[in-house]
Structures are given as structure tokens and as C-alpha cells.
Amino acid sequence: MMHPKEVVEFIKSEELSYSELASAIYKKFGVRVGKSLISYYKRSRTRIKQIYLDRLSEWELEWLLGLYYADGCKFKEKHQYTIKFGLDHSRDKDISQRVIELLQKIGLKPTISLYRGSTVIRVYSKILHDEFPPKDGTYRPKEIFAFLSGLIDGDGSIRKGKTGVIWQYHYEDLMSYLVDECKLTKHYSVRVRWGKLSKGIFYYVPLSVCKILKDKNYCIKLLRHVN
């Protein structure tokens, strides 16, 4: 027996027990359906979990993307599309908390674990995985100061509570764009990183830009220095 399309869509969309769903279908459509039929249509519904990116402001999303370029990654493992952030457990609890809150805001349930002094935050979402750009591609932030705030909160530090410094050795195209647009200056250097000498670039964020970021009230590492 063929069932009306409305009944099938109702089965797929409702999060009710089998008995509750059968009762609701009879009341709404006057159709009696069995457990096996409900089970069949529930298995065939889309497995992609809906998220609500429109709940984030453009500033919130761009900050998250800046942090992703600094301390995040995305990958597919078996059938799971994963976004992961790793932040210093001792120093960056406030940054971790914002990440968790933003991910929860769009309807995801982050898992949090500790690994070698880092707070590791994971979410599983194909939609968010596809929304985040590949790091080896070309990306241009829609809100450049929000993105820069996230980048500083991940790979940066604040000197004397005023100027920002970002340590980077990836994303040459993106960083060149930020140098031009935000008047960053860069200095090639070598430092000890995880017990080994590491070559990279210090990008200095000018005081005028740091003032904009502080006034926007969104760069956490800058906000730590507000009296």
C-alpha cells in the first residue's frame, strides 16, 4: 500500500517513539501505520544533521574561521565529518569556552577532551565541514578584523597590552592578503617550538589595528589586557 507523501515526510521529520508517531499519524491523517513501516521510513531519512549557521553573526563566524586557521583542522574519518580545535588548557580556557558556546549556538554538541596540555574540542557535521574552507585554497575573510581577532587568539600574543604578534609559517597567500589589508609587518625568525628549532614569520599587528580590534570587543587576548 502506498502512503501519502505527507505521511512519509511526517514520519521522517518527527522525533517521536513508534507508538506516539503511529497515534499522531492516525489523528492527523486518519491513516493507520505499523512499527515496521515507521522503522523503514525513519531509516531512509537523511542522516545529515541540520545546523543553524544563521544564528551566528558574520563577526562570530569569521572569528571562528580565524581560530580554525590558527588552531583548528577539518577531516573526514570513515563516515564522520570532523571539525577540531586544540587550545592550551591552562591559558586559553576563555577562548575554549567561546568556541563551545558558538558551536552550541548553531545546534551542535561539542565533545571536549584533554590531550598533552590541550583542550581538544570536536564536532561532527558535514554541513560545517563543507562551510569551512580548505586551508590549502584561497580564502578572503568577509569581516577581516573578526578573522584577524580569531587568528590572534589562536597563533598570537599581546605585547605590553597594546600590540599583537602572530607567529605563522603557513597560508602564504592568506597572510600576504592580511599584510596588505591590515598593514601587518613581518619578520622572518627561528624559535624553539615543542623542543625543536622552527622557522617561521612573526607578523606584527600595528597599534592602530589593535585599537580597532579592542573597540570591537572581540579579540579575547586583547580583552584580557583591558583594565
Protein backbone atom coordinates (compact mmCIF):
# COMPACT_ATOMS: atom_id res chain seq x y z
CA MET A 1 0.00 0.00 0.00
CA MET A 2 1.32 3.42 -0.99
CA HIS A 3 1.15 6.07 1.69
CA PRO A 4 0.61 9.79 1.04
CA LYS A 5 3.79 11.83 0.69
CA GLU A 6 2.71 13.97 3.66
CA VAL A 7 2.63 10.89 5.90
CA VAL A 8 6.09 9.78 4.78
CA GLU A 9 7.56 13.25 5.37
CA PHE A 10 5.86 13.40 8.77
CA ILE A 11 7.49 10.09 9.78
CA LYS A 12 10.91 11.29 8.65
CA SER A 13 10.69 14.66 10.39
CA GLU A 14 9.19 13.82 13.78
CA GLU A 15 11.31 12.75 16.78
CA LEU A 16 8.67 10.58 18.50
CA SER A 17 8.54 6.99 19.68
CA TYR A 18 6.94 4.46 17.32
CA SER A 19 3.69 4.30 19.31
CA GLU A 20 3.49 8.10 19.66
CA LEU A 21 4.17 8.51 15.94
CA ALA A 22 1.54 5.96 14.93
CA SER A 23 -1.03 7.71 17.14
CA ALA A 24 -0.09 11.16 15.79
CA ILE A 25 -0.38 9.94 12.18
CA TYR A 26 -3.83 8.50 12.77
CA LYS A 27 -5.05 11.71 14.42
CA LYS A 28 -3.54 13.95 11.75
CA PHE A 29 -4.11 11.92 8.57
CA GLY A 30 -6.63 9.21 9.52
CA VAL A 31 -4.11 6.55 8.42
CA ARG A 32 -3.02 3.54 10.47
CA VAL A 33 0.63 2.51 10.10
CA GLY A 34 2.64 -0.24 11.77
CA LYS A 35 6.02 -0.19 13.52
CA SER A 36 7.80 -1.86 10.60
CA LEU A 37 6.65 0.84 8.17
CA ILE A 38 7.70 3.64 10.53
CA SER A 39 11.09 1.97 11.00
CA TYR A 40 11.54 1.69 7.22
CA TYR A 41 10.93 5.38 6.56
CA LYS A 42 12.97 6.53 9.55
CA ARG A 43 15.98 4.58 8.28
CA SER A 44 15.65 6.18 4.85
CA ARG A 45 15.61 9.78 6.09
CA THR A 46 18.61 11.97 5.59
CA ARG A 47 21.42 11.37 8.07
CA ILE A 48 22.84 14.89 7.69
CA LYS A 49 22.26 16.74 10.95
CA GLN A 50 20.82 20.19 10.41
CA ILE A 51 22.71 23.15 11.89
CA TYR A 52 21.76 26.83 12.06
CA LEU A 53 24.63 28.99 10.83
CA ASP A 54 22.28 31.96 10.56
CA ARG A 55 22.29 32.10 14.37
CA LEU A 56 25.88 33.37 14.18
CA SER A 57 26.66 36.93 13.24
CA GLU A 58 29.20 37.39 10.47
CA TRP A 59 31.66 38.53 13.14
CA GLU A 60 31.19 35.36 15.17
CA LEU A 61 31.63 33.10 12.14
CA GLU A 62 34.74 34.94 10.91
CA TRP A 63 36.32 34.84 14.38
CA LEU A 64 35.71 31.09 14.43
CA LEU A 65 37.30 30.76 10.98
CA GLY A 66 40.33 32.79 12.08
CA LEU A 67 40.78 30.46 15.05
CA TYR A 68 40.30 27.46 12.74
CA TYR A 69 43.21 28.63 10.57
CA ALA A 70 45.35 29.02 13.70
CA ASP A 71 44.38 26.11 15.95
CA GLY A 72 41.85 24.04 14.06
CA CYS A 73 41.50 21.45 11.33
CA LYS A 74 38.85 19.52 9.45
CA PHE A 75 38.91 15.99 8.14
CA LYS A 76 36.73 13.05 7.20
CA GLU A 77 37.29 9.80 9.07
CA LYS A 78 35.20 6.84 7.94
CA HIS A 79 31.70 8.38 7.77
CA GLN A 80 32.33 11.25 10.19
CA TYR A 81 32.98 14.81 9.04
CA THR A 82 35.01 16.35 11.86
CA ILE A 83 35.99 19.89 12.86
CA LYS A 84 38.59 20.02 15.64
CA PHE A 85 40.16 22.79 17.72
CA GLY A 86 43.11 22.38 20.08
CA LEU A 87 43.75 25.11 22.66
CA ASP A 88 46.07 25.47 25.63
CA HIS A 89 44.21 24.07 28.61
CA SER A 90 45.77 26.42 31.17
CA ARG A 91 45.96 29.73 29.30
CA ASP A 92 43.05 29.60 26.87
CA LYS A 93 40.03 28.49 28.88
CA ASP A 94 38.16 31.66 27.91
CA ILE A 95 38.82 31.01 24.21
CA SER A 96 37.74 27.36 24.54
CA GLN A 97 34.54 28.49 26.24
CA ARG A 98 33.67 30.85 23.41
CA VAL A 99 34.27 28.10 20.82
CA ILE A 100 31.99 25.74 22.73
CA GLU A 101 29.27 28.38 23.06
CA LEU A 102 29.35 29.27 19.36
CA LEU A 103 29.18 25.64 18.29
CA GLN A 104 26.28 25.01 20.66
CA LYS A 105 24.57 28.13 19.33
CA ILE A 106 24.31 26.59 15.86
CA GLY A 107 22.90 23.34 17.23
CA LEU A 108 25.99 21.15 17.62
CA LYS A 109 27.12 19.18 20.67
CA PRO A 110 30.89 19.55 21.07
CA THR A 111 32.90 16.79 22.69
CA ILE A 112 35.72 18.03 24.93
CA SER A 113 38.83 16.08 25.91
CA LEU A 114 42.32 16.77 27.26
CA TYR A 115 45.45 15.78 25.38
CA ARG A 116 49.01 16.74 26.36
CA GLY A 117 48.01 20.00 28.00
CA SER A 118 45.49 20.95 25.31
CA THR A 119 41.73 21.21 25.41
CA VAL A 120 40.53 19.40 22.30
CA ILE A 121 37.08 20.38 21.03
CA ARG A 122 35.41 18.25 18.34
CA VAL A 123 32.14 18.47 16.47
CA TYR A 124 30.79 16.21 13.77
CA SER A 125 28.91 17.94 10.96
CA LYS A 126 29.09 17.59 7.18
CA ILE A 127 27.45 20.98 6.76
CA LEU A 128 30.03 22.78 8.92
CA HIS A 129 32.84 20.72 7.36
CA ASP A 130 31.76 21.93 3.92
CA GLU A 131 31.29 25.52 5.15
CA PHE A 132 34.86 25.77 6.48
CA PRO A 133 37.29 26.45 3.60
CA PRO A 134 40.17 24.09 2.81
CA LYS A 135 43.36 25.56 4.21
CA ASP A 136 45.29 24.92 1.02
CA GLY A 137 42.89 27.06 -1.01
CA THR A 138 42.36 30.80 -1.35
CA TYR A 139 40.27 32.45 1.36
CA ARG A 140 39.26 36.08 1.77
CA PRO A 141 37.51 36.95 5.06
CA LYS A 142 34.18 38.75 4.84
CA GLU A 143 34.92 40.50 8.15
CA ILE A 144 38.67 40.91 8.13
CA PHE A 145 39.02 42.28 11.67
CA ALA A 146 36.92 39.46 13.11
CA PHE A 147 39.05 36.93 11.26
CA LEU A 148 42.23 38.63 12.46
CA SER A 149 40.89 38.52 16.03
CA GLY A 150 40.48 34.74 15.76
CA LEU A 151 43.94 34.37 14.26
CA ILE A 152 45.48 36.32 17.14
CA ASP A 153 43.52 34.32 19.72
CA GLY A 154 44.98 31.17 18.19
CA ASP A 155 48.50 31.93 16.97
CA GLY A 156 49.10 35.34 18.52
CA SER A 157 50.15 37.13 21.65
CA ILE A 158 49.82 40.66 23.01
CA ARG A 159 52.86 42.74 23.86
CA LYS A 160 52.57 45.24 26.70
CA GLY A 161 48.79 45.01 26.38
CA LYS A 162 48.77 47.02 23.17
CA THR A 163 50.21 45.41 20.05
CA GLY A 164 49.61 41.96 18.62
CA VAL A 165 52.11 39.49 17.20
CA ILE A 166 51.15 36.43 15.14
CA TRP A 167 53.55 33.54 14.62
CA GLN A 168 52.80 31.75 11.35
CA TYR A 169 54.55 29.63 8.76
CA HIS A 170 51.60 28.51 6.64
CA TYR A 171 48.98 30.12 4.35
CA GLU A 172 51.31 32.39 2.38
CA ASP A 173 48.54 33.72 0.14
CA LEU A 174 46.16 34.46 3.02
CA MET A 175 48.85 36.08 5.16
CA SER A 176 50.02 38.23 2.23
CA TYR A 177 46.43 39.43 1.88
CA LEU A 178 46.28 40.31 5.60
CA VAL A 179 49.64 42.10 5.35
CA ASP A 180 48.27 44.31 2.56
CA GLU A 181 44.83 44.92 4.05
CA CYS A 182 45.76 45.30 7.72
CA LYS A 183 49.24 46.79 7.28
CA LEU A 184 50.94 43.96 9.11
CA THR A 185 54.71 43.88 9.07
CA LYS A 186 56.61 40.62 9.02
CA HIS A 187 59.92 39.42 10.32
CA TYR A 188 61.48 36.06 9.47
CA SER A 189 62.71 34.26 12.55
CA VAL A 190 63.60 30.98 14.19
CA ARG A 191 62.30 29.91 17.59
CA VAL A 192 62.11 26.82 19.74
CA ARG A 193 58.76 25.11 19.18
CA TRP A 194 57.92 21.88 21.00
CA GLY A 195 61.59 21.41 21.83
CA LYS A 196 62.79 21.88 18.26
CA LEU A 197 64.04 24.81 16.21
CA SER A 198 61.24 26.03 13.96
CA LYS A 199 61.41 28.54 11.12
CA GLY A 200 58.52 30.91 10.73
CA ILE A 201 57.38 34.50 10.43
CA PHE A 202 56.35 36.99 13.09
CA TYR A 203 53.55 39.20 11.81
CA TYR A 204 53.25 42.41 13.83
CA VAL A 205 49.79 43.93 14.10
CA PRO A 206 50.02 47.74 14.24
CA LEU A 207 48.71 49.64 17.22
CA SER A 208 46.01 51.31 15.11
CA VAL A 209 44.57 47.93 14.09
CA CYS A 210 44.79 46.58 17.65
CA LYS A 211 42.77 49.59 18.78
CA ILE A 212 40.06 48.71 16.24
CA LEU A 213 40.02 45.11 17.46
CA LYS A 214 39.81 46.20 21.07
CA ASP A 215 37.00 48.65 20.28
CA LYS A 216 35.12 45.84 18.50
CA ASN A 217 35.33 44.00 21.84
CA TYR A 218 36.01 40.62 20.27
CA CYS A 219 39.71 39.66 20.37
CA ILE A 220 39.93 37.72 23.63
CA LYS A 221 43.69 38.08 24.10
CA LEU A 222 43.36 41.86 23.72
CA LEU A 223 40.37 41.94 26.07
CA ARG A 224 42.47 40.25 28.76
CA HIS A 225 44.55 43.42 28.91
CA VAL A 226 41.64 45.84 29.24
CA ASN A 227 41.72 47.49 32.67
